[in-house]
Amino acid sequence: MIAAIYSRKSKFTGKGESIENQIQLCTNHAKSLGIDEFLIYEDEGFSGRTTDRPQFQKMLKDGKSKKFSFLICYRLDRISRNIADFSTLINELQELNIDFISIREQFDTSTPMGRAMMYIASVFAQLERETIAERIRDNMLELAKSGRWLGGQTPLGFRSEKMSYFDSEFKERSMYKLTPIDNELTVIKLIYNRYLEFKSLRKVTQYLLEHNIKTKLGADWNVRSVSDVLSNPTYVKADINVFDYLNKKGIITTGTPDSIHGMLTYNKKKGTNQYREMDEWIATVAKHEGIIEAANWLEIQETLKTNKVKAPQLGRTHNALLTGILRCGKCGANMTVIHGGINKDGKKIYYYSCAMKTNSKGTRCNNGNVRVDKIEQVTINKLKEITKDDNILIEELKSLKDEISSTTDLSGTETISKSIAELEISINNLVKQLAENKNSSAAKYIITEIENRENELTSLRTKLNNINNENEKKYDIDVNLDLIIKSLSEFSKTIEMIDIDYKKYLLSSVVDKITWDSSTGHIDIKLWGGAKKK
């Protein structure tokens, strides 16, 4: 008989229930059952929360191939701490006629009592894990309620500044708070004042563009970024009415509203892009002072809500073929569709217009409009000519593919992911310590260390996200090469015979971007692979 021995440990260490100790104990037990052949599977540095572990998955694959008839582990939670995962494994093993033995709990699925007791034990294993997770979450939320800055991109108007203080034992400690940047706060006050005057996001955006006022990162403002600033409680002088407003939205509020200090929100996101439900958010009176009176801030929130409900439904422009591809040849902004008059046949005329020109009332760009139907037909005719001889383009695309393959960074993501996993484990361990020592003098040391590691974790996640986004862009171009080649060869044959949606799809497969310059009348077409045609 052959037995599989599985061992797992969350940390790389030779102490306690080390990988080596687990394997030795399992081997000794197997030999007492008359088993003398073993397949060893080791996962060190992996959590028991999921079964997505390399050696565990290999073991499952070998089990399906009938390479062993027993699975032995030192303890149940070495396999999994999740009831669903554990139950699934036991069912799979039973279907494969593989018996499972856990030495520590003395469970053996070859007997009915062993199977029953194993399920009971797995329930308690998950209960322990969920209790720990809940305690970790509670303690992290307690950190947030302190009103300190916990890291990330600082809002416009502030920078993160380290401050020192003395604890109850007169030992120097440090924490972070938001410190005002006067010239940026002037922009914030301007945005709020203009919205109170205009009561329109579009008009405020237009004003900012006309006066060439930039965001914190030096970009042009848009309606969304203006709305984000106006709805951000960071700037409000929090009072009880602000608390009531946030509570009605389901947001948990903490601290004492004093009509002086601003607020910070925590626990809004799960990962990078996914937002939590609003009743999981926490808004806390912060260390920094607010700059917008509560009454004005609340008035603005009501206006934003009212305007959103009253916003008119714009006419559909999905039939515009070049939306998302056509750019302004003067400033580089997107060309968007606007409505024109009626032609002699009674049909409505549409134009492509520079979004920057429209939003800034012509102060930032003066590129002329162009009729939708005319520029689209000229573009299609040019593409027909270009794609008749596609050999040169294909060679360019192949060169691009080779370049992308040589510059895609996979090893870098693996290194950063490993560092993130190690930091998450260390933070969880620190929070466990905090839960056990929250009333002791050591708690403040632990909190400081958690903050430091959280800042490092935020930086690593941002770096990893940037690398992944870049790799995804390269991968998308790489894997779509065959599609682009096919589109090039079929473009001139099919473009006139297909519907608008497929035309858009075909264009996006061939074209990177198209630019229009009214002063020259030129239409520049940039194809994937770097080819540019006029």
Protein backbone atom coordinates (compact mmCIF):
# COMPACT_ATOMS: atom_id res chain seq x y z
CA MET A 1 0.00 0.00 0.00
CA ILE A 2 1.07 3.55 -0.73
CA ALA A 3 0.17 6.50 1.49
CA ALA A 4 0.23 10.21 0.70
CA ILE A 5 1.55 12.34 3.54
CA TYR A 6 0.50 15.98 3.46
CA SER A 7 2.07 18.69 5.62
CA ARG A 8 1.48 22.42 5.76
CA LYS A 9 2.72 25.35 7.82
CA SER A 10 1.84 29.02 7.44
CA LYS A 11 5.33 30.25 8.33
CA PHE A 12 8.79 29.11 7.35
CA THR A 13 10.17 27.80 10.64
CA GLY A 14 11.81 24.75 12.12
CA LYS A 15 10.08 25.06 15.48
CA GLY A 16 6.98 23.36 16.85
CA GLU A 17 4.86 21.60 14.25
CA SER A 18 7.42 22.07 11.51
CA ILE A 19 7.07 20.40 8.14
CA GLU A 20 9.79 17.90 9.08
CA ASN A 21 8.13 17.03 12.39
CA GLN A 22 4.73 16.54 10.75
CA ILE A 23 6.17 14.23 8.09
CA GLN A 24 8.11 12.17 10.66
CA LEU A 25 5.03 11.67 12.87
CA CYS A 26 2.89 10.72 9.84
CA THR A 27 5.55 8.31 8.59
CA ASN A 28 5.80 6.59 11.97
CA HIS A 29 2.02 6.24 12.16
CA ALA A 30 1.82 4.83 8.63
CA LYS A 31 4.49 2.24 9.38
CA SER A 32 2.49 1.09 12.42
CA LEU A 33 -0.35 0.35 9.97
CA GLY A 34 1.95 -1.70 7.78
CA ILE A 35 2.46 0.99 5.12
CA ASP A 36 6.01 1.34 3.88
CA GLU A 37 5.70 3.42 0.68
CA PHE A 38 5.06 7.16 0.81
CA LEU A 39 4.42 10.15 -1.42
CA ILE A 40 5.34 13.37 0.39
CA TYR A 41 3.56 16.68 -0.29
CA GLU A 42 4.79 19.83 1.51
CA ASP A 43 3.28 23.34 1.46
CA GLU A 44 5.27 25.70 3.66
CA GLY A 45 4.33 29.35 3.91
CA PHE A 46 0.69 28.81 2.84
CA SER A 47 -2.47 29.59 4.79
CA GLY A 48 -5.17 27.02 5.52
CA ARG A 49 -7.94 29.41 4.53
CA THR A 50 -8.10 28.00 1.00
CA THR A 51 -6.95 24.88 -0.81
CA ASP A 52 -5.21 26.88 -3.52
CA ARG A 53 -1.76 25.54 -2.64
CA PRO A 54 0.65 24.00 -5.18
CA GLN A 55 1.48 20.73 -3.42
CA PHE A 56 -2.09 20.26 -2.20
CA GLN A 57 -3.37 20.55 -5.76
CA LYS A 58 -0.68 18.15 -6.97
CA MET A 59 -1.74 15.68 -4.30
CA LEU A 60 -5.36 15.85 -5.48
CA LYS A 61 -4.25 15.24 -9.05
CA ASP A 62 -2.18 12.21 -8.00
CA GLY A 63 -5.11 10.90 -5.96
CA LYS A 64 -7.35 10.97 -9.03
CA SER A 65 -4.63 9.02 -10.83
CA LYS A 66 -4.85 6.30 -8.12
CA LYS A 67 -1.25 6.81 -7.00
CA PHE A 68 -2.07 6.23 -3.31
CA SER A 69 -4.81 4.65 -1.19
CA PHE A 70 -4.33 6.54 2.12
CA LEU A 71 -4.00 10.25 2.90
CA ILE A 72 -2.34 10.96 6.22
CA CYS A 73 -1.85 14.32 7.91
CA TYR A 74 -0.72 15.38 11.36
CA ARG A 75 -3.80 17.48 12.16
CA LEU A 76 -7.11 18.34 10.47
CA ASP A 77 -6.41 22.05 10.00
CA ARG A 78 -3.27 21.17 8.01
CA ILE A 79 -5.70 20.24 5.24
CA SER A 80 -8.12 23.16 5.53
CA ARG A 81 -9.87 25.45 8.00
CA ASN A 82 -12.86 25.88 5.75
CA ILE A 83 -15.79 23.50 6.26
CA ALA A 84 -16.90 23.56 2.63
CA ASP A 85 -13.39 22.81 1.34
CA PHE A 86 -12.89 20.09 3.90
CA SER A 87 -16.22 18.42 3.17
CA THR A 88 -15.53 18.54 -0.57
CA LEU A 89 -12.17 16.86 -0.04
CA ILE A 90 -13.63 14.07 2.09
CA ASN A 91 -16.33 13.40 -0.51
CA GLU A 92 -13.71 13.30 -3.29
CA LEU A 93 -11.54 10.89 -1.29
CA GLN A 94 -14.52 8.61 -0.63
CA GLU A 95 -15.36 8.50 -4.35
CA LEU A 96 -11.73 7.55 -5.05
CA ASN A 97 -11.74 4.93 -2.25
CA ILE A 98 -8.95 6.76 -0.45
CA ASP A 99 -9.03 6.65 3.36
CA PHE A 100 -8.12 9.73 5.36
CA ILE A 101 -6.27 9.63 8.68
CA SER A 102 -5.54 12.53 11.03
CA ILE A 103 -3.04 11.58 13.73
CA ARG A 104 -3.66 14.34 16.27
CA GLU A 105 -7.44 13.88 16.40
CA GLN A 106 -7.13 10.11 15.81
CA PHE A 107 -9.72 10.20 13.03
CA ASP A 108 -10.00 7.54 10.41
CA THR A 109 -12.59 7.76 7.63
CA SER A 110 -12.58 3.99 7.25
CA THR A 111 -15.05 3.98 10.19
CA PRO A 112 -18.46 5.76 10.45
CA MET A 113 -17.58 7.24 13.85
CA GLY A 114 -14.31 8.58 12.47
CA ARG A 115 -16.12 10.35 9.63
CA ALA A 116 -18.68 11.91 11.99
CA MET A 117 -16.06 13.11 14.46
CA MET A 118 -13.98 14.58 11.66
CA TYR A 119 -16.83 16.73 10.44
CA ILE A 120 -17.44 17.96 14.00
CA ALA A 121 -13.78 18.85 14.43
CA SER A 122 -13.71 20.72 11.10
CA VAL A 123 -16.68 22.83 12.28
CA PHE A 124 -14.71 23.90 15.33
CA ALA A 125 -11.62 24.59 13.21
CA GLN A 126 -13.62 27.00 11.05
CA LEU A 127 -15.28 28.56 14.10
CA GLU A 128 -11.82 29.29 15.52
CA ARG A 129 -10.72 30.85 12.23
CA GLU A 130 -13.83 33.00 11.93
CA THR A 131 -13.48 34.13 15.55
CA ILE A 132 -9.89 35.18 14.92
CA ALA A 133 -10.89 36.96 11.69
CA GLU A 134 -13.67 38.83 13.49
CA ARG A 135 -11.28 39.87 16.24
CA ILE A 136 -8.76 41.09 13.66
CA ARG A 137 -11.44 43.11 11.87
CA ASP A 138 -12.69 44.64 15.13
CA ASN A 139 -9.20 45.72 16.10
CA MET A 140 -8.47 47.17 12.68
CA LEU A 141 -11.68 49.17 12.91
CA GLU A 142 -10.63 50.41 16.34
CA LEU A 143 -7.45 51.72 14.73
CA ALA A 144 -9.56 53.56 12.15
CA LYS A 145 -11.76 55.13 14.82
CA SER A 146 -8.75 56.98 16.21
CA GLY A 147 -9.04 59.45 13.31
CA ARG A 148 -5.42 59.09 12.29
CA TRP A 149 -4.31 58.86 8.66
CA LEU A 150 -3.63 55.22 7.79
CA GLY A 151 -1.96 55.71 4.43
CA GLY A 152 -2.82 55.82 0.74
CA GLN A 153 -3.23 58.71 -1.73
CA THR A 154 -3.76 61.89 0.28
CA PRO A 155 -6.74 64.05 -0.76
CA LEU A 156 -6.24 67.36 -2.54
CA GLY A 157 -5.39 70.00 0.05
CA PHE A 158 -3.38 67.79 2.39
CA ARG A 159 -0.17 65.86 2.83
CA SER A 160 0.59 63.05 5.26
CA GLU A 161 2.83 64.17 8.12
CA LYS A 162 4.42 62.12 10.87
CA MET A 163 3.79 63.48 14.34
CA SER A 164 5.27 62.46 17.67
CA TYR A 165 3.55 62.17 21.03
CA PHE A 166 4.21 60.71 24.47
CA ASP A 167 2.19 57.80 25.79
CA SER A 168 1.03 57.25 29.36
CA GLU A 169 4.48 55.95 30.25
CA PHE A 170 6.13 59.09 28.77
CA LYS A 171 7.64 57.13 25.89
CA GLU A 172 7.77 58.86 22.51
CA ARG A 173 5.45 57.44 19.88
CA SER A 174 4.57 58.42 16.31
CA MET A 175 1.45 58.52 14.16
CA TYR A 176 0.36 60.19 10.92
CA LYS A 177 -2.12 62.97 10.31
CA LEU A 178 -3.20 65.14 7.40
CA THR A 179 -1.47 68.53 7.27
CA PRO A 180 -2.98 71.30 5.14
CA ILE A 181 -1.42 72.56 1.90
CA ASP A 182 -2.71 76.13 1.63
CA ASN A 183 -2.59 76.59 -2.15
CA GLU A 184 -4.42 73.27 -2.69
CA LEU A 185 -7.07 74.13 -0.08
CA THR A 186 -7.65 77.35 -2.00
CA VAL A 187 -8.67 75.19 -4.98
CA ILE A 188 -11.01 73.16 -2.77
CA LYS A 189 -12.71 76.31 -1.46
CA LEU A 190 -13.00 77.59 -5.03
CA ILE A 191 -14.72 74.36 -6.16
CA TYR A 192 -17.21 74.48 -3.28
CA ASN A 193 -17.96 78.19 -3.78
CA ARG A 194 -18.46 77.79 -7.51
CA TYR A 195 -20.80 74.84 -7.02
CA LEU A 196 -22.86 76.82 -4.49
CA GLU A 197 -23.06 79.54 -7.16
CA PHE A 198 -23.57 77.43 -10.32
CA LYS A 199 -25.25 74.34 -8.81
CA SER A 200 -23.86 72.43 -11.80
CA LEU A 201 -20.98 69.98 -11.99
CA ARG A 202 -20.55 70.72 -15.68
CA LYS A 203 -20.24 74.48 -15.11
CA VAL A 204 -17.74 74.02 -12.27
CA THR A 205 -15.67 71.67 -14.45
CA GLN A 206 -15.85 74.18 -17.30
CA TYR A 207 -14.63 76.95 -14.96
CA LEU A 208 -11.65 74.85 -13.81
CA LEU A 209 -10.71 74.00 -17.38
CA GLU A 210 -11.07 77.61 -18.56
CA HIS A 211 -8.65 78.74 -15.83
CA ASN A 212 -6.28 75.78 -16.37
CA ILE A 213 -6.61 74.61 -12.74
CA LYS A 214 -5.23 71.09 -12.24
CA THR A 215 -5.91 68.17 -9.91
CA LYS A 216 -3.41 67.04 -7.26
CA LEU A 217 -1.68 64.81 -9.80
CA GLY A 218 -1.56 67.54 -12.45
CA ALA A 219 -4.43 66.27 -14.61
CA ASP A 220 -7.40 68.18 -16.03
CA TRP A 221 -10.61 68.11 -14.05
CA ASN A 222 -13.69 66.20 -15.18
CA VAL A 223 -17.22 65.97 -13.84
CA ARG A 224 -16.47 62.80 -11.86
CA SER A 225 -13.42 64.23 -10.09
CA VAL A 226 -15.31 67.41 -9.17
CA SER A 227 -18.18 65.34 -7.79
CA ASP A 228 -15.77 63.27 -5.69
CA VAL A 229 -14.32 66.40 -4.08
CA LEU A 230 -17.76 67.83 -3.33
CA SER A 231 -19.02 64.64 -1.67
CA ASN A 232 -15.84 64.03 0.36
CA PRO A 233 -16.38 64.57 4.13
CA THR A 234 -12.64 65.22 4.56
CA TYR A 235 -13.32 68.93 4.04
CA VAL A 236 -16.43 69.46 6.18
CA LYS A 237 -16.37 70.97 9.67
CA ALA A 238 -18.22 68.02 11.14
CA ASP A 239 -21.23 68.68 13.35
CA ILE A 240 -24.15 66.59 14.56
CA ASN A 241 -26.11 67.27 11.35
CA VAL A 242 -23.28 65.83 9.26
CA PHE A 243 -23.33 62.75 11.51
CA ASP A 244 -27.09 62.41 11.00
CA TYR A 245 -26.67 62.67 7.20
CA LEU A 246 -23.98 59.97 7.13
CA ASN A 247 -25.94 57.72 9.49
CA LYS A 248 -28.99 57.89 7.21
CA LYS A 249 -26.79 56.63 4.37
CA GLY A 250 -25.89 53.66 6.60
CA ILE A 251 -22.34 54.83 7.40
CA ILE A 252 -21.03 54.20 10.93
CA THR A 253 -19.84 57.43 12.58
CA THR A 254 -17.44 57.75 15.50
CA GLY A 255 -15.81 60.56 17.45
CA THR A 256 -17.23 63.82 18.75
CA PRO A 257 -18.47 66.32 16.13
CA ASP A 258 -17.19 69.75 17.16
CA SER A 259 -17.81 71.91 14.05
CA ILE A 260 -14.02 72.26 13.75
CA HIS A 261 -12.44 69.03 12.57
CA GLY A 262 -12.95 67.23 9.28
CA MET A 263 -13.73 63.54 8.83
CA LEU A 264 -11.97 60.52 7.36
CA THR A 265 -13.66 57.43 5.95
CA TYR A 266 -12.31 53.90 6.39
CA ASN A 267 -13.16 50.38 5.31
CA LYS A 268 -14.67 51.59 2.03
CA LYS A 269 -12.89 49.21 -0.32
CA LYS A 270 -12.29 45.50 -0.50
CA GLY A 271 -9.07 45.26 -2.49
CA THR A 272 -8.22 47.86 -5.11
CA ASN A 273 -11.46 48.49 -7.01
CA GLN A 274 -14.34 46.77 -5.23
CA TYR A 275 -16.38 48.91 -2.83
CA ARG A 276 -17.94 47.46 0.31
CA GLU A 277 -21.57 47.99 1.22
CA MET A 278 -22.04 51.46 2.71
CA ASP A 279 -23.12 50.06 6.08
CA GLU A 280 -19.57 48.72 6.46
CA TRP A 281 -17.98 52.16 6.02
CA ILE A 282 -16.72 54.10 9.02
CA ALA A 283 -16.55 57.91 9.12
CA THR A 284 -14.48 59.31 11.96
CA VAL A 285 -13.79 62.79 13.26
CA ALA A 286 -10.18 63.29 12.19
CA LYS A 287 -7.12 65.09 13.54
CA HIS A 288 -7.13 67.76 10.80
CA GLU A 289 -9.44 70.78 10.71
CA GLY A 290 -12.22 71.07 8.16
CA ILE A 291 -12.56 74.07 5.85
CA ILE A 292 -16.20 73.87 4.63
CA GLU A 293 -19.05 74.87 6.90
CA ALA A 294 -21.36 71.97 7.69
CA ALA A 295 -24.47 73.80 6.42
CA ASN A 296 -22.84 74.48 3.04
CA TRP A 297 -21.54 70.93 2.73
CA LEU A 298 -24.97 69.47 3.48
CA GLU A 299 -26.64 71.86 1.04
CA ILE A 300 -24.25 70.68 -1.66
CA GLN A 301 -24.99 67.02 -0.92
CA GLU A 302 -28.69 67.68 -1.34
CA THR A 303 -28.11 69.58 -4.61
CA LEU A 304 -25.93 66.77 -5.97
CA LYS A 305 -28.66 64.27 -5.14
CA THR A 306 -31.41 66.40 -6.70
CA ASN A 307 -29.44 67.09 -9.87
CA LYS A 308 -28.66 63.41 -10.29
CA VAL A 309 -32.36 62.57 -10.23
CA LYS A 310 -33.27 65.46 -12.57
CA ALA A 311 -30.43 64.80 -15.03
CA PRO A 312 -31.94 64.52 -18.53
CA GLN A 313 -31.52 61.36 -20.55
CA LEU A 314 -29.17 62.22 -23.39
CA GLY A 315 -29.91 61.13 -26.91
CA ARG A 316 -28.35 57.83 -27.90
CA THR A 317 -25.12 58.20 -29.86
CA HIS A 318 -24.07 54.54 -30.00
CA ASN A 319 -24.30 54.61 -33.81
CA ALA A 320 -21.29 56.93 -33.95
CA LEU A 321 -18.63 54.63 -35.34
CA LEU A 322 -15.53 56.43 -34.11
CA THR A 323 -16.56 57.07 -30.48
CA GLY A 324 -13.63 56.21 -28.23
CA ILE A 325 -11.18 56.11 -31.15
CA LEU A 326 -11.33 59.65 -32.58
CA ARG A 327 -9.07 62.18 -30.81
CA CYS A 328 -8.56 65.90 -31.21
CA GLY A 329 -5.51 66.60 -33.37
CA LYS A 330 -4.74 69.81 -31.44
CA CYS A 331 -5.06 68.96 -27.74
CA GLY A 332 -5.41 65.16 -27.74
CA ALA A 333 -8.79 65.09 -25.97
CA ASN A 334 -11.56 62.69 -27.00
CA MET A 335 -13.90 63.81 -29.77
CA THR A 336 -17.47 63.30 -28.58
CA VAL A 337 -20.75 63.43 -30.48
CA ILE A 338 -22.93 66.54 -30.30
CA HIS A 339 -26.30 67.20 -31.91
CA GLY A 340 -26.60 69.56 -34.87
CA GLY A 341 -29.45 70.74 -37.04
CA ILE A 342 -31.72 69.02 -39.58
CA ASN A 343 -30.63 68.43 -43.19
CA LYS A 344 -32.83 68.94 -46.25
CA ASP A 345 -34.07 65.34 -46.02
CA GLY A 346 -35.33 65.93 -42.50
CA LYS A 347 -32.59 63.86 -40.84
CA LYS A 348 -30.69 65.05 -37.79
CA ILE A 349 -27.03 65.95 -38.31
CA TYR A 350 -24.40 64.93 -35.75
CA TYR A 351 -20.88 66.27 -35.27
CA TYR A 352 -17.74 65.11 -33.54
CA SER A 353 -16.51 67.88 -31.22
CA CYS A 354 -13.40 68.14 -29.02
CA ALA A 355 -14.45 67.45 -25.42
CA MET A 356 -11.85 69.91 -24.09
CA LYS A 357 -13.17 72.65 -26.36
CA THR A 358 -16.75 71.96 -25.26
CA ASN A 359 -15.95 71.74 -21.55
CA SER A 360 -13.74 74.85 -21.53
CA LYS A 361 -16.01 76.91 -23.84
CA GLY A 362 -13.23 77.12 -26.40
CA THR A 363 -10.58 78.59 -24.07
CA ARG A 364 -8.39 75.47 -24.04
CA CYS A 365 -8.85 74.28 -27.64
CA ASN A 366 -10.31 75.65 -30.87
CA ASN A 367 -10.39 72.55 -33.07
CA GLY A 368 -13.35 72.69 -35.44
CA ASN A 369 -16.20 70.21 -35.40
CA VAL A 370 -16.54 67.60 -38.14
CA ARG A 371 -19.67 65.88 -39.40
CA VAL A 372 -20.04 62.30 -38.16
CA ASP A 373 -21.16 60.80 -41.46
CA LYS A 374 -18.44 62.47 -43.54
CA ILE A 375 -15.42 61.68 -41.38
CA GLU A 376 -16.60 58.09 -40.88
CA GLN A 377 -16.87 57.46 -44.60
CA VAL A 378 -13.47 59.04 -45.29
CA THR A 379 -11.95 56.90 -42.51
CA ILE A 380 -13.46 53.68 -43.89
CA ASN A 381 -12.23 54.49 -47.41
CA LYS A 382 -8.71 55.14 -46.12
CA LEU A 383 -8.70 51.91 -44.11
CA LYS A 384 -9.83 49.95 -47.16
CA GLU A 385 -6.81 51.22 -49.06
CA ILE A 386 -4.42 50.62 -46.15
CA THR A 387 -5.57 47.07 -45.45
CA LYS A 388 -5.37 45.87 -49.05
CA ASP A 389 -1.63 45.41 -48.57
CA ASP A 390 -1.35 44.14 -45.02
CA ASN A 391 1.98 42.28 -45.16
CA ILE A 392 3.99 45.23 -43.84
CA LEU A 393 1.52 45.76 -41.00
CA ILE A 394 1.62 42.10 -40.03
CA GLU A 395 5.42 42.17 -39.85
CA GLU A 396 5.19 45.25 -37.61
CA LEU A 397 2.72 43.47 -35.36
CA LYS A 398 4.96 40.42 -35.09
CA SER A 399 7.87 42.65 -34.10
CA LEU A 400 5.65 44.26 -31.50
CA LYS A 401 4.68 40.83 -30.16
CA ASP A 402 8.36 39.88 -29.73
CA GLU A 403 9.06 43.17 -27.98
CA ILE A 404 6.11 42.72 -25.62
CA SER A 405 7.10 39.16 -24.75
CA SER A 406 10.63 40.29 -23.87
CA THR A 407 9.48 43.16 -21.62
CA THR A 408 6.58 41.53 -19.74
CA ASP A 409 7.53 41.39 -16.06
CA LEU A 410 6.33 38.17 -14.42
CA SER A 411 9.14 37.56 -11.96
CA GLY A 412 8.64 41.04 -10.50
CA THR A 413 4.98 40.34 -9.71
CA GLU A 414 5.89 37.05 -8.05
CA THR A 415 8.42 38.76 -5.79
CA ILE A 416 6.03 41.56 -4.82
CA SER A 417 3.13 39.11 -4.29
CA LYS A 418 5.29 37.08 -1.94
CA SER A 419 6.26 40.22 0.00
CA ILE A 420 2.58 41.23 0.23
CA ALA A 421 1.60 37.78 1.52
CA GLU A 422 4.35 37.92 4.15
CA LEU A 423 3.28 41.41 5.24
CA GLU A 424 -0.38 40.38 5.50
CA ILE A 425 0.57 37.43 7.68
CA SER A 426 2.77 39.61 9.90
CA ILE A 427 0.00 42.24 10.25
CA ASN A 428 -2.56 39.56 11.16
CA ASN A 429 -0.17 38.21 13.77
CA LEU A 430 0.34 41.71 15.20
CA VAL A 431 -3.41 42.31 15.34
CA LYS A 432 -3.83 39.01 17.19
CA GLN A 433 -1.24 40.23 19.68
CA LEU A 434 -3.12 43.53 19.93
CA ALA A 435 -6.37 41.69 20.69
CA GLU A 436 -4.65 39.78 23.47
CA ASN A 437 -2.82 42.81 24.90
CA LYS A 438 -5.11 45.73 24.09
CA ASN A 439 -5.15 46.93 27.70
CA SER A 440 -1.42 46.57 28.28
CA SER A 441 1.39 49.06 27.67
CA ALA A 442 2.53 46.94 24.71
CA ALA A 443 -0.60 47.83 22.73
CA LYS A 444 0.74 51.19 21.57
CA TYR A 445 3.97 49.62 20.32
CA ILE A 446 1.93 47.09 18.37
CA ILE A 447 -0.34 49.78 16.87
CA THR A 448 2.67 51.76 15.64
CA GLU A 449 4.18 48.66 14.05
CA ILE A 450 0.85 47.80 12.38
CA GLU A 451 0.66 51.30 10.90
CA ASN A 452 4.20 51.07 9.52
CA ARG A 453 3.50 47.73 7.88
CA GLU A 454 0.12 48.91 6.55
CA ASN A 455 1.87 51.82 4.81
CA GLU A 456 4.41 49.43 3.31
CA LEU A 457 1.59 47.09 2.24
CA THR A 458 -0.29 49.92 0.51
CA SER A 459 2.84 50.89 -1.40
CA LEU A 460 3.48 47.31 -2.53
CA ARG A 461 -0.14 46.79 -3.61
CA THR A 462 -0.04 49.98 -5.69
CA LYS A 463 3.22 48.88 -7.30
CA LEU A 464 1.85 45.39 -8.02
CA ASN A 465 -1.37 46.80 -9.47
CA ASN A 466 0.62 49.08 -11.81
CA ILE A 467 2.79 46.18 -13.01
CA ASN A 468 -0.25 43.91 -13.48
CA ASN A 469 -2.10 46.59 -15.44
CA GLU A 470 0.91 47.06 -17.69
CA ASN A 471 1.31 43.31 -18.17
CA GLU A 472 -2.40 42.94 -18.96
CA LYS A 473 -2.16 45.60 -21.66
CA LYS A 474 0.81 43.81 -23.19
CA TYR A 475 -0.93 40.46 -22.90
CA ASP A 476 -4.09 41.75 -24.58
CA ILE A 477 -2.09 42.94 -27.59
CA ASP A 478 -0.06 39.73 -27.63
CA VAL A 479 -2.97 37.26 -27.60
CA ASN A 480 -5.04 39.29 -30.08
CA LEU A 481 -2.38 39.22 -32.81
CA ASP A 482 -4.14 36.50 -34.82
CA LEU A 483 -7.43 38.37 -34.55
CA ILE A 484 -5.84 41.60 -35.79
CA ILE A 485 -4.16 39.83 -38.72
CA LYS A 486 -7.46 38.25 -39.68
CA SER A 487 -9.24 41.61 -39.35
CA LEU A 488 -6.65 43.25 -41.58
CA SER A 489 -7.09 40.68 -44.31
CA GLU A 490 -10.89 40.80 -44.23
CA PHE A 491 -11.47 44.50 -43.53
CA SER A 492 -12.00 45.79 -47.06
CA LYS A 493 -14.26 42.82 -47.93
CA THR A 494 -16.58 42.97 -44.94
CA ILE A 495 -16.70 46.54 -43.58
CA GLU A 496 -19.63 47.68 -45.76
CA MET A 497 -21.72 44.55 -45.22
CA ILE A 498 -21.80 44.30 -41.43
CA ASP A 499 -23.89 46.08 -38.78
CA ILE A 500 -22.69 49.02 -36.68
CA ASP A 501 -21.69 46.96 -33.63
CA TYR A 502 -19.51 44.62 -35.66
CA LYS A 503 -18.03 47.57 -37.54
CA LYS A 504 -16.94 49.02 -34.20
CA TYR A 505 -15.47 45.67 -33.21
CA LEU A 506 -13.58 45.38 -36.49
CA LEU A 507 -12.27 48.94 -36.24
CA SER A 508 -11.04 48.42 -32.66
CA SER A 509 -9.17 45.31 -33.85
CA VAL A 510 -7.26 47.33 -36.44
CA VAL A 511 -7.08 50.94 -35.19
CA ASP A 512 -5.28 52.30 -32.15
CA LYS A 513 -6.54 55.87 -32.57
CA ILE A 514 -7.61 58.40 -35.18
CA THR A 515 -6.98 62.16 -34.92
CA TRP A 516 -8.76 65.05 -36.61
CA ASP A 517 -7.24 68.52 -37.10
CA SER A 518 -9.62 71.07 -38.57
CA SER A 519 -6.87 73.59 -39.42
CA THR A 520 -5.21 71.12 -41.83
CA GLY A 521 -8.21 68.94 -42.65
CA HIS A 522 -6.03 65.88 -41.98
CA ILE A 523 -7.31 62.58 -40.62
CA ASP A 524 -4.40 60.60 -39.13
CA ILE A 525 -4.99 56.89 -38.56
CA LYS A 526 -2.68 55.01 -36.18
CA LEU A 527 -2.96 51.25 -36.53
CA TRP A 528 -2.01 48.67 -33.92
CA GLY A 529 1.69 47.97 -34.32
CA GLY A 530 2.69 51.59 -34.72
CA ALA A 531 1.78 52.16 -38.40
CA LYS A 532 0.44 55.65 -39.03
CA LYS A 533 -1.37 56.69 -42.21
CA LYS A 534 -2.67 60.05 -43.40
